Amino acid sequence: LSGLSDKTIELEVIKRVIPRMSKGNWLFWGIMAFIGFNLIWLGLVERFAPQWVGTIIGFLIFLAIFKYGPREKEEEE
């Protein structure tokens, strides 16, 4: 790891910590992140910004998890 940048090392550490997920896992964690973000928004931010803004941001978080979540390794035969 001596020749790699800090960003590359950080990504490698994250890849080792976060387990690989199937589409069902991505869907589950995306929905949980959406709900969790909206509950936090309701409790802390709704006084300053409307809930629909939180819903849009929560949906973007859901899409990011669903699209960029750790993939399962391809099994070689």
N, C-alpha and C. Protein backbone atom coordinates (compact mmCIF):
# COMPACT_ATOMS: atom_id res chain seq x y z
N LEU A 1 0.81 -1.21 0.00
CA LEU A 1 0.00 0.00 0.00
C LEU A 1 0.85 1.27 0.00
N SER A 2 2.18 1.12 -0.06
CA SER A 2 3.04 2.28 0.06
C SER A 2 2.94 3.23 -1.14
N GLY A 3 2.65 2.72 -2.33
CA GLY A 3 2.61 3.56 -3.51
C GLY A 3 1.23 4.11 -3.83
N LEU A 4 0.25 3.85 -2.99
CA LEU A 4 -1.12 4.26 -3.27
C LEU A 4 -1.46 5.57 -2.57
N SER A 5 -2.39 6.31 -3.15
CA SER A 5 -2.82 7.56 -2.53
C SER A 5 -3.70 7.27 -1.33
N ASP A 6 -3.89 8.29 -0.48
CA ASP A 6 -4.73 8.14 0.71
C ASP A 6 -6.16 7.77 0.33
N LYS A 7 -6.67 8.35 -0.75
CA LYS A 7 -8.04 8.06 -1.19
C LYS A 7 -8.18 6.60 -1.59
N THR A 8 -7.21 6.07 -2.31
CA THR A 8 -7.24 4.67 -2.73
C THR A 8 -7.18 3.75 -1.52
N ILE A 9 -6.33 4.07 -0.57
CA ILE A 9 -6.22 3.26 0.65
C ILE A 9 -7.54 3.28 1.41
N GLU A 10 -8.16 4.46 1.51
CA GLU A 10 -9.44 4.60 2.21
C GLU A 10 -10.52 3.74 1.54
N LEU A 11 -10.57 3.76 0.22
CA LEU A 11 -11.55 2.95 -0.50
C LEU A 11 -11.31 1.46 -0.29
N GLU A 12 -10.05 1.04 -0.25
CA GLU A 12 -9.73 -0.37 -0.01
C GLU A 12 -10.17 -0.80 1.38
N VAL A 13 -9.99 0.07 2.37
CA VAL A 13 -10.42 -0.24 3.74
C VAL A 13 -11.94 -0.37 3.79
N ILE A 14 -12.65 0.54 3.13
CA ILE A 14 -14.12 0.49 3.11
C ILE A 14 -14.58 -0.80 2.44
N LYS A 15 -13.94 -1.19 1.35
CA LYS A 15 -14.33 -2.42 0.65
C LYS A 15 -14.15 -3.65 1.54
N ARG A 16 -13.17 -3.62 2.42
CA ARG A 16 -12.94 -4.76 3.30
C ARG A 16 -13.93 -4.78 4.46
N VAL A 17 -14.40 -3.62 4.90
CA VAL A 17 -15.29 -3.53 6.05
C VAL A 17 -16.73 -3.81 5.66
N ILE A 18 -17.21 -3.26 4.55
CA ILE A 18 -18.59 -3.42 4.12
C ILE A 18 -18.71 -4.74 3.36
N PRO A 19 -19.60 -5.63 3.82
CA PRO A 19 -19.74 -6.90 3.11
C PRO A 19 -20.40 -6.71 1.75
N ARG A 20 -20.14 -7.63 0.84
CA ARG A 20 -20.78 -7.58 -0.47
C ARG A 20 -22.25 -7.90 -0.31
N MET A 21 -23.10 -7.22 -1.11
CA MET A 21 -24.54 -7.36 -0.93
C MET A 21 -25.22 -7.79 -2.22
N SER A 22 -26.35 -8.46 -2.07
CA SER A 22 -27.18 -8.83 -3.22
C SER A 22 -28.18 -7.70 -3.46
N LYS A 23 -28.96 -7.80 -4.53
CA LYS A 23 -29.95 -6.76 -4.83
C LYS A 23 -30.98 -6.62 -3.71
N GLY A 24 -31.35 -7.73 -3.09
CA GLY A 24 -32.29 -7.68 -1.97
C GLY A 24 -31.72 -6.88 -0.80
N ASN A 25 -30.42 -7.06 -0.54
CA ASN A 25 -29.78 -6.30 0.52
C ASN A 25 -29.73 -4.81 0.18
N TRP A 26 -29.41 -4.49 -1.07
CA TRP A 26 -29.36 -3.08 -1.48
C TRP A 26 -30.72 -2.44 -1.30
N LEU A 27 -31.77 -3.17 -1.71
CA LEU A 27 -33.12 -2.65 -1.59
C LEU A 27 -33.46 -2.41 -0.12
N PHE A 28 -33.18 -3.39 0.74
CA PHE A 28 -33.47 -3.26 2.16
C PHE A 28 -32.74 -2.07 2.77
N TRP A 29 -31.43 -1.98 2.57
CA TRP A 29 -30.66 -0.90 3.18
C TRP A 29 -30.99 0.45 2.57
N GLY A 30 -31.34 0.48 1.29
CA GLY A 30 -31.78 1.72 0.67
C GLY A 30 -33.07 2.23 1.29
N ILE A 31 -34.02 1.33 1.52
CA ILE A 31 -35.29 1.72 2.15
C ILE A 31 -35.04 2.16 3.59
N MET A 32 -34.20 1.42 4.32
CA MET A 32 -33.89 1.80 5.71
C MET A 32 -33.22 3.17 5.78
N ALA A 33 -32.31 3.45 4.85
CA ALA A 33 -31.65 4.75 4.82
C ALA A 33 -32.66 5.85 4.50
N PHE A 34 -33.57 5.59 3.57
CA PHE A 34 -34.60 6.57 3.21
C PHE A 34 -35.48 6.89 4.43
N ILE A 35 -35.95 5.85 5.11
CA ILE A 35 -36.81 6.06 6.28
C ILE A 35 -36.04 6.75 7.40
N GLY A 36 -34.83 6.27 7.67
CA GLY A 36 -34.02 6.88 8.73
C GLY A 36 -33.71 8.34 8.47
N PHE A 37 -33.33 8.65 7.23
CA PHE A 37 -33.03 10.04 6.89
C PHE A 37 -34.25 10.92 7.07
N ASN A 38 -35.42 10.43 6.65
CA ASN A 38 -36.64 11.23 6.77
C ASN A 38 -37.05 11.42 8.23
N LEU A 39 -36.83 10.42 9.08
CA LEU A 39 -37.12 10.59 10.51
C LEU A 39 -36.19 11.62 11.14
N ILE A 40 -34.92 11.57 10.78
CA ILE A 40 -33.98 12.57 11.28
C ILE A 40 -34.38 13.95 10.78
N TRP A 41 -34.76 14.03 9.51
CA TRP A 41 -35.21 15.31 8.93
C TRP A 41 -36.40 15.86 9.70
N LEU A 42 -37.38 15.00 9.98
CA LEU A 42 -38.57 15.43 10.73
C LEU A 42 -38.20 15.97 12.10
N GLY A 43 -37.25 15.32 12.76
CA GLY A 43 -36.89 15.73 14.11
C GLY A 43 -36.02 16.96 14.18
N LEU A 44 -35.16 17.17 13.20
CA LEU A 44 -34.16 18.24 13.32
C LEU A 44 -34.29 19.38 12.33
N VAL A 45 -34.75 19.12 11.12
CA VAL A 45 -34.63 20.11 10.05
C VAL A 45 -35.97 20.66 9.58
N GLU A 46 -37.07 19.98 9.88
CA GLU A 46 -38.35 20.37 9.30
C GLU A 46 -38.75 21.80 9.66
N ARG A 47 -38.26 22.31 10.78
CA ARG A 47 -38.57 23.70 11.16
C ARG A 47 -38.01 24.70 10.15
N PHE A 48 -36.92 24.32 9.48
CA PHE A 48 -36.22 25.24 8.59
C PHE A 48 -36.48 24.97 7.11
N ALA A 49 -36.82 23.73 6.76
CA ALA A 49 -37.04 23.36 5.36
C ALA A 49 -38.19 22.35 5.30
N PRO A 50 -39.00 22.40 4.25
CA PRO A 50 -40.16 21.50 4.16
C PRO A 50 -39.76 20.02 4.01
N GLN A 51 -40.68 19.16 4.35
CA GLN A 51 -40.42 17.72 4.32
C GLN A 51 -40.15 17.20 2.91
N TRP A 52 -40.75 17.82 1.89
CA TRP A 52 -40.53 17.31 0.53
C TRP A 52 -39.06 17.40 0.13
N VAL A 53 -38.33 18.37 0.68
CA VAL A 53 -36.90 18.46 0.40
C VAL A 53 -36.18 17.25 1.00
N GLY A 54 -36.55 16.89 2.23
CA GLY A 54 -35.98 15.70 2.87
C GLY A 54 -36.31 14.43 2.12
N THR A 55 -37.51 14.37 1.56
CA THR A 55 -37.92 13.20 0.79
C THR A 55 -37.06 13.05 -0.47
N ILE A 56 -36.81 14.16 -1.14
CA ILE A 56 -35.96 14.11 -2.34
C ILE A 56 -34.54 13.67 -1.99
N ILE A 57 -33.98 14.25 -0.93
CA ILE A 57 -32.63 13.87 -0.52
C ILE A 57 -32.59 12.41 -0.09
N GLY A 58 -33.60 11.96 0.66
CA GLY A 58 -33.68 10.56 1.06
C GLY A 58 -33.75 9.63 -0.13
N PHE A 59 -34.51 10.03 -1.15
CA PHE A 59 -34.61 9.22 -2.36
C PHE A 59 -33.27 9.15 -3.09
N LEU A 60 -32.53 10.25 -3.11
CA LEU A 60 -31.21 10.25 -3.74
C LEU A 60 -30.25 9.33 -2.98
N ILE A 61 -30.36 9.31 -1.65
CA ILE A 61 -29.55 8.39 -0.85
C ILE A 61 -29.91 6.95 -1.19
N PHE A 62 -31.22 6.68 -1.30
CA PHE A 62 -31.68 5.34 -1.68
C PHE A 62 -31.09 4.93 -3.03
N LEU A 63 -31.16 5.82 -4.01
CA LEU A 63 -30.62 5.50 -5.34
C LEU A 63 -29.12 5.25 -5.29
N ALA A 64 -28.40 6.05 -4.50
CA ALA A 64 -26.95 5.87 -4.39
C ALA A 64 -26.60 4.51 -3.79
N ILE A 65 -27.32 4.12 -2.74
CA ILE A 65 -27.07 2.81 -2.14
C ILE A 65 -27.41 1.70 -3.13
N PHE A 66 -28.53 1.84 -3.81
CA PHE A 66 -28.97 0.80 -4.73
C PHE A 66 -28.02 0.67 -5.92
N LYS A 67 -27.50 1.80 -6.40
CA LYS A 67 -26.63 1.76 -7.58
C LYS A 67 -25.18 1.44 -7.23
N TYR A 68 -24.66 2.01 -6.15
CA TYR A 68 -23.23 1.89 -5.85
C TYR A 68 -22.92 0.96 -4.68
N GLY A 69 -23.91 0.23 -4.18
CA GLY A 69 -23.66 -0.71 -3.08
C GLY A 69 -22.65 -1.76 -3.48
N PRO A 70 -21.96 -2.34 -2.50
CA PRO A 70 -20.96 -3.37 -2.82
C PRO A 70 -21.59 -4.54 -3.57
N ARG A 71 -21.01 -4.93 -4.65
CA ARG A 71 -21.53 -6.01 -5.50
C ARG A 71 -21.04 -7.37 -5.00
N GLU A 72 -21.81 -8.40 -5.33
CA GLU A 72 -21.38 -9.76 -5.04
C GLU A 72 -20.24 -10.13 -5.98
N LYS A 73 -19.32 -10.93 -5.49
CA LYS A 73 -18.23 -11.39 -6.36
C LYS A 73 -18.78 -12.40 -7.35
N GLU A 74 -18.30 -12.31 -8.56
CA GLU A 74 -18.68 -13.27 -9.59
C GLU A 74 -17.99 -14.59 -9.28
N GLU A 75 -18.76 -15.66 -9.26
CA GLU A 75 -18.17 -16.97 -9.00
C GLU A 75 -17.58 -17.53 -10.29
N GLU A 76 -16.33 -17.97 -10.19
CA GLU A 76 -15.66 -18.55 -11.35
C GLU A 76 -15.85 -20.06 -11.33
N GLU A 77 -16.10 -20.63 -12.49
CA GLU A 77 -16.32 -22.08 -12.57
C GLU A 77 -15.04 -22.80 -12.88
